[in-house]
Amino acid sequence: RLLDSPVWTGADPVTLAQLWDAIPGMA
């Protein structure tokens, strides 16, 4: 919340692969 970054619940789980892809350079 301090960084204006979203949070999500179990209704919308995110996979580790999705989070991995969001890191610059991991493509």
PDB file of all heavy atoms in Angstrom:
ATOM      1  N   ARG A   1       0.827  -1.209   0.000  1.00  0.00           N
ATOM      2  CA  ARG A   1       0.000   0.000   0.000  1.00  0.00           C
ATOM      3  C   ARG A   1       0.859   1.256   0.000  1.00  0.00           C
ATOM      4  O   ARG A   1       0.523   2.244  -0.666  1.00  0.00           O
ATOM      5  CB  ARG A   1      -0.938  -0.028   1.203  1.00  0.00           C
ATOM      6  CG  ARG A   1      -2.059  -1.054   1.047  1.00  0.00           C
ATOM      7  CD  ARG A   1      -2.918  -1.167   2.280  1.00  0.00           C
ATOM      8  NE  ARG A   1      -4.004  -2.118   2.066  1.00  0.00           N
ATOM      9  CZ  ARG A   1      -4.768  -2.601   3.033  1.00  0.00           C
ATOM     10  NH1 ARG A   1      -4.560  -2.208   4.292  1.00  0.00           N
ATOM     11  NH2 ARG A   1      -5.735  -3.459   2.760  1.00  0.00           N
ATOM     12  N   LEU A   2       1.956   1.221   0.725  1.00  0.00           N
ATOM     13  CA  LEU A   2       2.865   2.359   0.728  1.00  0.00           C
ATOM     14  C   LEU A   2       3.384   2.649  -0.678  1.00  0.00           C
ATOM     15  O   LEU A   2       3.509   3.811  -1.085  1.00  0.00           O
ATOM     16  CB  LEU A   2       4.041   2.076   1.669  1.00  0.00           C
ATOM     17  CG  LEU A   2       5.179   3.104   1.666  1.00  0.00           C
ATOM     18  CD1 LEU A   2       4.699   4.447   2.187  1.00  0.00           C
ATOM     19  CD2 LEU A   2       6.356   2.592   2.496  1.00  0.00           C
ATOM     20  N   LEU A   3       3.662   1.586  -1.442  1.00  0.00           N
ATOM     21  CA  LEU A   3       4.236   1.724  -2.774  1.00  0.00           C
ATOM     22  C   LEU A   3       3.184   1.704  -3.878  1.00  0.00           C
ATOM     23  O   LEU A   3       3.534   1.624  -5.057  1.00  0.00           O
ATOM     24  CB  LEU A   3       5.256   0.601  -2.998  1.00  0.00           C
ATOM     25  CG  LEU A   3       6.404   0.540  -1.985  1.00  0.00           C
ATOM     26  CD1 LEU A   3       7.344  -0.615  -2.313  1.00  0.00           C
ATOM     27  CD2 LEU A   3       7.166   1.860  -1.955  1.00  0.00           C
ATOM     28  N   ASP A   4       1.904   1.769  -3.498  1.00  0.00           N
ATOM     29  CA  ASP A   4       0.801   1.755  -4.472  1.00  0.00           C
ATOM     30  C   ASP A   4       0.891   0.532  -5.376  1.00  0.00           C
ATOM     31  O   ASP A   4       0.748   0.615  -6.600  1.00  0.00           O
ATOM     32  CB  ASP A   4       0.809   3.038  -5.309  1.00  0.00           C
ATOM     33  CG  ASP A   4      -0.494   3.231  -6.082  1.00  0.00           C
ATOM     34  OD1 ASP A   4      -1.536   2.717  -5.628  1.00  0.00           O
ATOM     35  OD2 ASP A   4      -0.456   3.874  -7.155  1.00  0.00           O
ATOM     36  N   SER A   5       1.146  -0.600  -4.756  1.00  0.00           N
ATOM     37  CA  SER A   5       1.273  -1.873  -5.471  1.00  0.00           C
ATOM     38  C   SER A   5       0.087  -2.758  -5.111  1.00  0.00           C
ATOM     39  O   SER A   5      -0.318  -2.809  -3.947  1.00  0.00           O
ATOM     40  CB  SER A   5       2.579  -2.566  -5.075  1.00  0.00           C
ATOM     41  OG  SER A   5       2.789  -3.748  -5.819  1.00  0.00           O
ATOM     42  N   PRO A   6      -0.521  -3.456  -6.070  1.00  0.00           N
ATOM     43  CA  PRO A   6      -1.723  -4.233  -5.779  1.00  0.00           C
ATOM     44  C   PRO A   6      -1.451  -5.458  -4.919  1.00  0.00           C
ATOM     45  O   PRO A   6      -0.356  -6.010  -4.921  1.00  0.00           O
ATOM     46  CB  PRO A   6      -2.217  -4.650  -7.171  1.00  0.00           C
ATOM     47  CG  PRO A   6      -0.992  -4.641  -8.029  1.00  0.00           C
ATOM     48  CD  PRO A   6      -0.136  -3.525  -7.497  1.00  0.00           C
ATOM     49  N   VAL A   7      -2.469  -5.873  -4.185  1.00  0.00           N
ATOM     50  CA  VAL A   7      -2.463  -7.147  -3.470  1.00  0.00           C
ATOM     51  C   VAL A   7      -3.613  -7.974  -4.028  1.00  0.00           C
ATOM     52  O   VAL A   7      -4.518  -7.444  -4.673  1.00  0.00           O
ATOM     53  CB  VAL A   7      -2.603  -6.959  -1.941  1.00  0.00           C
ATOM     54  CG1 VAL A   7      -1.423  -6.194  -1.384  1.00  0.00           C
ATOM     55  CG2 VAL A   7      -3.907  -6.236  -1.607  1.00  0.00           C
ATOM     56  N   TRP A   8      -3.578  -9.254  -3.791  1.00  0.00           N
ATOM     57  CA  TRP A   8      -4.610 -10.126  -4.333  1.00  0.00           C
ATOM     58  C   TRP A   8      -4.857 -11.271  -3.370  1.00  0.00           C
ATOM     59  O   TRP A   8      -4.039 -11.556  -2.500  1.00  0.00           O
ATOM     60  CB  TRP A   8      -4.192 -10.657  -5.709  1.00  0.00           C
ATOM     61  CG  TRP A   8      -2.935 -11.468  -5.684  1.00  0.00           C
ATOM     62  CD1 TRP A   8      -2.832 -12.829  -5.619  1.00  0.00           C
ATOM     63  CD2 TRP A   8      -1.588 -10.980  -5.700  1.00  0.00           C
ATOM     64  NE1 TRP A   8      -1.514 -13.221  -5.588  1.00  0.00           N
ATOM     65  CE2 TRP A   8      -0.719 -12.097  -5.639  1.00  0.00           C
ATOM     66  CE3 TRP A   8      -1.020  -9.696  -5.765  1.00  0.00           C
ATOM     67  CZ2 TRP A   8       0.659 -11.982  -5.631  1.00  0.00           C
ATOM     68  CZ3 TRP A   8       0.365  -9.590  -5.757  1.00  0.00           C
ATOM     69  CH2 TRP A   8       1.184 -10.709  -5.699  1.00  0.00           C
ATOM     70  N   THR A   9      -6.005 -11.923  -3.517  1.00  0.00           N
ATOM     71  CA  THR A   9      -6.401 -12.984  -2.600  1.00  0.00           C
ATOM     72  C   THR A   9      -6.385 -14.329  -3.310  1.00  0.00           C
ATOM     73  O   THR A   9      -6.024 -14.433  -4.487  1.00  0.00           O
ATOM     74  CB  THR A   9      -7.815 -12.717  -2.068  1.00  0.00           C
ATOM     75  OG1 THR A   9      -8.747 -12.796  -3.165  1.00  0.00           O
ATOM     76  CG2 THR A   9      -7.911 -11.341  -1.431  1.00  0.00           C
ATOM     77  N   GLY A  10      -6.819 -15.350  -2.582  1.00  0.00           N
ATOM     78  CA  GLY A  10      -6.869 -16.685  -3.157  1.00  0.00           C
ATOM     79  C   GLY A  10      -7.858 -16.809  -4.293  1.00  0.00           C
ATOM     80  O   GLY A  10      -7.805 -17.764  -5.073  1.00  0.00           O
ATOM     81  N   ALA A  11      -8.776 -15.836  -4.409  1.00  0.00           N
ATOM     82  CA  ALA A  11      -9.724 -15.856  -5.519  1.00  0.00           C
ATOM     83  C   ALA A  11      -9.035 -15.564  -6.848  1.00  0.00           C
ATOM     84  O   ALA A  11      -9.529 -15.947  -7.911  1.00  0.00           O
ATOM     85  CB  ALA A  11     -10.834 -14.838  -5.273  1.00  0.00           C
ATOM     86  N   ASP A  12      -7.910 -14.873  -6.785  1.00  0.00           N
ATOM     87  CA  ASP A  12      -7.134 -14.547  -7.990  1.00  0.00           C
ATOM     88  C   ASP A  12      -5.666 -14.901  -7.769  1.00  0.00           C
ATOM     89  O   ASP A  12      -4.796 -14.024  -7.768  1.00  0.00           O
ATOM     90  CB  ASP A  12      -7.249 -13.060  -8.318  1.00  0.00           C
ATOM     91  CG  ASP A  12      -8.673 -12.634  -8.589  1.00  0.00           C
ATOM     92  OD1 ASP A  12      -9.244 -13.100  -9.586  1.00  0.00           O
ATOM     93  OD2 ASP A  12      -9.205 -11.831  -7.801  1.00  0.00           O
ATOM     94  N   PRO A  13      -5.349 -16.178  -7.543  1.00  0.00           N
ATOM     95  CA  PRO A  13      -3.956 -16.528  -7.280  1.00  0.00           C
ATOM     96  C   PRO A  13      -3.062 -16.248  -8.481  1.00  0.00           C
ATOM     97  O   PRO A  13      -3.503 -16.301  -9.635  1.00  0.00           O
ATOM     98  CB  PRO A  13      -4.025 -18.032  -6.981  1.00  0.00           C
ATOM     99  CG  PRO A  13      -5.246 -18.506  -7.692  1.00  0.00           C
ATOM    100  CD  PRO A  13      -6.214 -17.375  -7.617  1.00  0.00           C
ATOM    101  N   VAL A  14      -1.827 -15.935  -8.195  1.00  0.00           N
ATOM    102  CA  VAL A  14      -0.829 -15.678  -9.233  1.00  0.00           C
ATOM    103  C   VAL A  14       0.235 -16.756  -9.130  1.00  0.00           C
ATOM    104  O   VAL A  14       0.657 -17.118  -8.030  1.00  0.00           O
ATOM    105  CB  VAL A  14      -0.204 -14.282  -9.038  1.00  0.00           C
ATOM    106  CG1 VAL A  14       0.877 -14.027 -10.080  1.00  0.00           C
ATOM    107  CG2 VAL A  14      -1.283 -13.200  -9.116  1.00  0.00           C
ATOM    108  N   THR A  15       0.665 -17.280 -10.245  1.00  0.00           N
ATOM    109  CA  THR A  15       1.674 -18.334 -10.214  1.00  0.00           C
ATOM    110  C   THR A  15       3.064 -17.743 -10.084  1.00  0.00           C
ATOM    111  O   THR A  15       3.311 -16.587 -10.443  1.00  0.00           O
ATOM    112  CB  THR A  15       1.613 -19.199 -11.478  1.00  0.00           C
ATOM    113  OG1 THR A  15       1.994 -18.400 -12.625  1.00  0.00           O
ATOM    114  CG2 THR A  15       0.218 -19.777 -11.690  1.00  0.00           C
ATOM    115  N   LEU A  16       3.972 -18.566  -9.608  1.00  0.00           N
ATOM    116  CA  LEU A  16       5.366 -18.146  -9.509  1.00  0.00           C
ATOM    117  C   LEU A  16       5.906 -17.778 -10.879  1.00  0.00           C
ATOM    118  O   LEU A  16       6.682 -16.824 -11.010  1.00  0.00           O
ATOM    119  CB  LEU A  16       6.208 -19.268  -8.884  1.00  0.00           C
ATOM    120  CG  LEU A  16       7.701 -18.978  -8.742  1.00  0.00           C
ATOM    121  CD1 LEU A  16       7.954 -17.755  -7.877  1.00  0.00           C
ATOM    122  CD2 LEU A  16       8.430 -20.197  -8.171  1.00  0.00           C
ATOM    123  N   ALA A  17       5.508 -18.495 -11.919  1.00  0.00           N
ATOM    124  CA  ALA A  17       5.971 -18.182 -13.273  1.00  0.00           C
ATOM    125  C   ALA A  17       5.537 -16.779 -13.691  1.00  0.00           C
ATOM    126  O   ALA A  17       6.313 -16.040 -14.324  1.00  0.00           O
ATOM    127  CB  ALA A  17       5.449 -19.216 -14.264  1.00  0.00           C
ATOM    128  N   GLN A  18       4.316 -16.371 -13.357  1.00  0.00           N
ATOM    129  CA  GLN A  18       3.848 -15.027 -13.693  1.00  0.00           C
ATOM    130  C   GLN A  18       4.666 -13.961 -12.977  1.00  0.00           C
ATOM    131  O   GLN A  18       5.017 -12.926 -13.556  1.00  0.00           O
ATOM    132  CB  GLN A  18       2.366 -14.878 -13.326  1.00  0.00           C
ATOM    133  CG  GLN A  18       1.405 -15.643 -14.207  1.00  0.00           C
ATOM    134  CD  GLN A  18      -0.021 -15.533 -13.696  1.00  0.00           C
ATOM    135  OE1 GLN A  18      -0.418 -16.233 -12.756  1.00  0.00           O
ATOM    136  NE2 GLN A  18      -0.785 -14.635 -14.278  1.00  0.00           N
ATOM    137  N   LEU A  19       4.949 -14.184 -11.710  1.00  0.00           N
ATOM    138  CA  LEU A  19       5.736 -13.231 -10.940  1.00  0.00           C
ATOM    139  C   LEU A  19       7.164 -13.177 -11.449  1.00  0.00           C
ATOM    140  O   LEU A  19       7.776 -12.106 -11.537  1.00  0.00           O
ATOM    141  CB  LEU A  19       5.697 -13.618  -9.467  1.00  0.00           C
ATOM    142  CG  LEU A  19       4.308 -13.520  -8.822  1.00  0.00           C
ATOM    143  CD1 LEU A  19       4.260 -14.302  -7.523  1.00  0.00           C
ATOM    144  CD2 LEU A  19       3.931 -12.063  -8.587  1.00  0.00           C
ATOM    145  N   TRP A  20       7.708 -14.326 -11.774  1.00  0.00           N
ATOM    146  CA  TRP A  20       9.061 -14.419 -12.333  1.00  0.00           C
ATOM    147  C   TRP A  20       9.166 -13.570 -13.596  1.00  0.00           C
ATOM    148  O   TRP A  20      10.119 -12.811 -13.778  1.00  0.00           O
ATOM    149  CB  TRP A  20       9.353 -15.881 -12.633  1.00  0.00           C
ATOM    150  CG  TRP A  20      10.720 -16.226 -13.103  1.00  0.00           C
ATOM    151  CD1 TRP A  20      11.270 -15.962 -14.329  1.00  0.00           C
ATOM    152  CD2 TRP A  20      11.733 -16.929 -12.365  1.00  0.00           C
ATOM    153  NE1 TRP A  20      12.540 -16.456 -14.420  1.00  0.00           N
ATOM    154  CE2 TRP A  20      12.849 -17.061 -13.218  1.00  0.00           C
ATOM    155  CE3 TRP A  20      11.778 -17.472 -11.087  1.00  0.00           C
ATOM    156  CZ2 TRP A  20      14.014 -17.716 -12.823  1.00  0.00           C
ATOM    157  CZ3 TRP A  20      12.934 -18.115 -10.689  1.00  0.00           C
ATOM    158  CH2 TRP A  20      14.048 -18.239 -11.546  1.00  0.00           C
ATOM    159  N   ASP A  21       8.163 -13.696 -14.475  1.00  0.00           N
ATOM    160  CA  ASP A  21       8.168 -12.961 -15.739  1.00  0.00           C
ATOM    161  C   ASP A  21       8.080 -11.460 -15.544  1.00  0.00           C
ATOM    162  O   ASP A  21       8.409 -10.691 -16.458  1.00  0.00           O
ATOM    163  CB  ASP A  21       7.006 -13.421 -16.625  1.00  0.00           C
ATOM    164  CG  ASP A  21       7.206 -14.815 -17.183  1.00  0.00           C
ATOM    165  OD1 ASP A  21       8.360 -15.284 -17.217  1.00  0.00           O
ATOM    166  OD2 ASP A  21       6.211 -15.446 -17.598  1.00  0.00           O
ATOM    167  N   ALA A  22       7.605 -11.005 -14.369  1.00  0.00           N
ATOM    168  CA  ALA A  22       7.457  -9.579 -14.106  1.00  0.00           C
ATOM    169  C   ALA A  22       8.764  -8.927 -13.663  1.00  0.00           C
ATOM    170  O   ALA A  22       8.808  -7.710 -13.458  1.00  0.00           O
ATOM    171  CB  ALA A  22       6.384  -9.350 -13.046  1.00  0.00           C
ATOM    172  N   ILE A  23       9.834  -9.701 -13.516  1.00  0.00           N
ATOM    173  CA  ILE A  23      11.134  -9.160 -13.126  1.00  0.00           C
ATOM    174  C   ILE A  23      11.938  -8.823 -14.373  1.00  0.00           C
ATOM    175  O   ILE A  23      12.126  -9.679 -15.241  1.00  0.00           O
ATOM    176  CB  ILE A  23      11.914 -10.171 -12.262  1.00  0.00           C
ATOM    177  CG1 ILE A  23      11.182 -10.421 -10.943  1.00  0.00           C
ATOM    178  CG2 ILE A  23      13.333  -9.676 -11.994  1.00  0.00           C
ATOM    179  CD1 ILE A  23      11.837 -11.475 -10.061  1.00  0.00           C
ATOM    180  N   PRO A  24      12.405  -7.592 -14.514  1.00  0.00           N
ATOM    181  CA  PRO A  24      13.209  -7.241 -15.685  1.00  0.00           C
ATOM    182  C   PRO A  24      14.421  -8.150 -15.831  1.00  0.00           C
ATOM    183  O   PRO A  24      15.089  -8.502 -14.855  1.00  0.00           O
ATOM    184  CB  PRO A  24      13.644  -5.801 -15.381  1.00  0.00           C
ATOM    185  CG  PRO A  24      12.541  -5.261 -14.528  1.00  0.00           C
ATOM    186  CD  PRO A  24      12.142  -6.421 -13.653  1.00  0.00           C
ATOM    187  N   GLY A  25      14.677  -8.551 -17.058  1.00  0.00           N
ATOM    188  CA  GLY A  25      15.826  -9.396 -17.348  1.00  0.00           C
ATOM    189  C   GLY A  25      15.545 -10.876 -17.327  1.00  0.00           C
ATOM    190  O   GLY A  25      16.353 -11.673 -17.802  1.00  0.00           O
ATOM    191  N   MET A  26      14.392 -11.271 -16.785  1.00  0.00           N
ATOM    192  CA  MET A  26      14.092 -12.697 -16.698  1.00  0.00           C
ATOM    193  C   MET A  26      13.515 -13.266 -17.993  1.00  0.00           C
ATOM    194  O   MET A  26      13.352 -14.476 -18.115  1.00  0.00           O
ATOM    195  CB  MET A  26      13.125 -12.967 -15.554  1.00  0.00           C
ATOM    196  CG  MET A  26      13.718 -12.782 -14.168  1.00  0.00           C
ATOM    197  SD  MET A  26      15.165 -13.829 -13.860  1.00  0.00           S
ATOM    198  CE  MET A  26      16.448 -12.577 -13.831  1.00  0.00           C
ATOM    199  N   ALA A  27      13.219 -12.425 -18.970  1.00  0.00           N
ATOM    200  CA  ALA A  27      12.718 -12.918 -20.257  1.00  0.00           C
ATOM    201  C   ALA A  27      13.724 -13.840 -20.916  1.00  0.00           C
ATOM    202  O   ALA A  27      13.353 -14.781 -21.625  1.00  0.00           O
ATOM    203  CB  ALA A  27      12.388 -11.744 -21.176  1.00  0.00           C
TER     204      ALA A  27
END
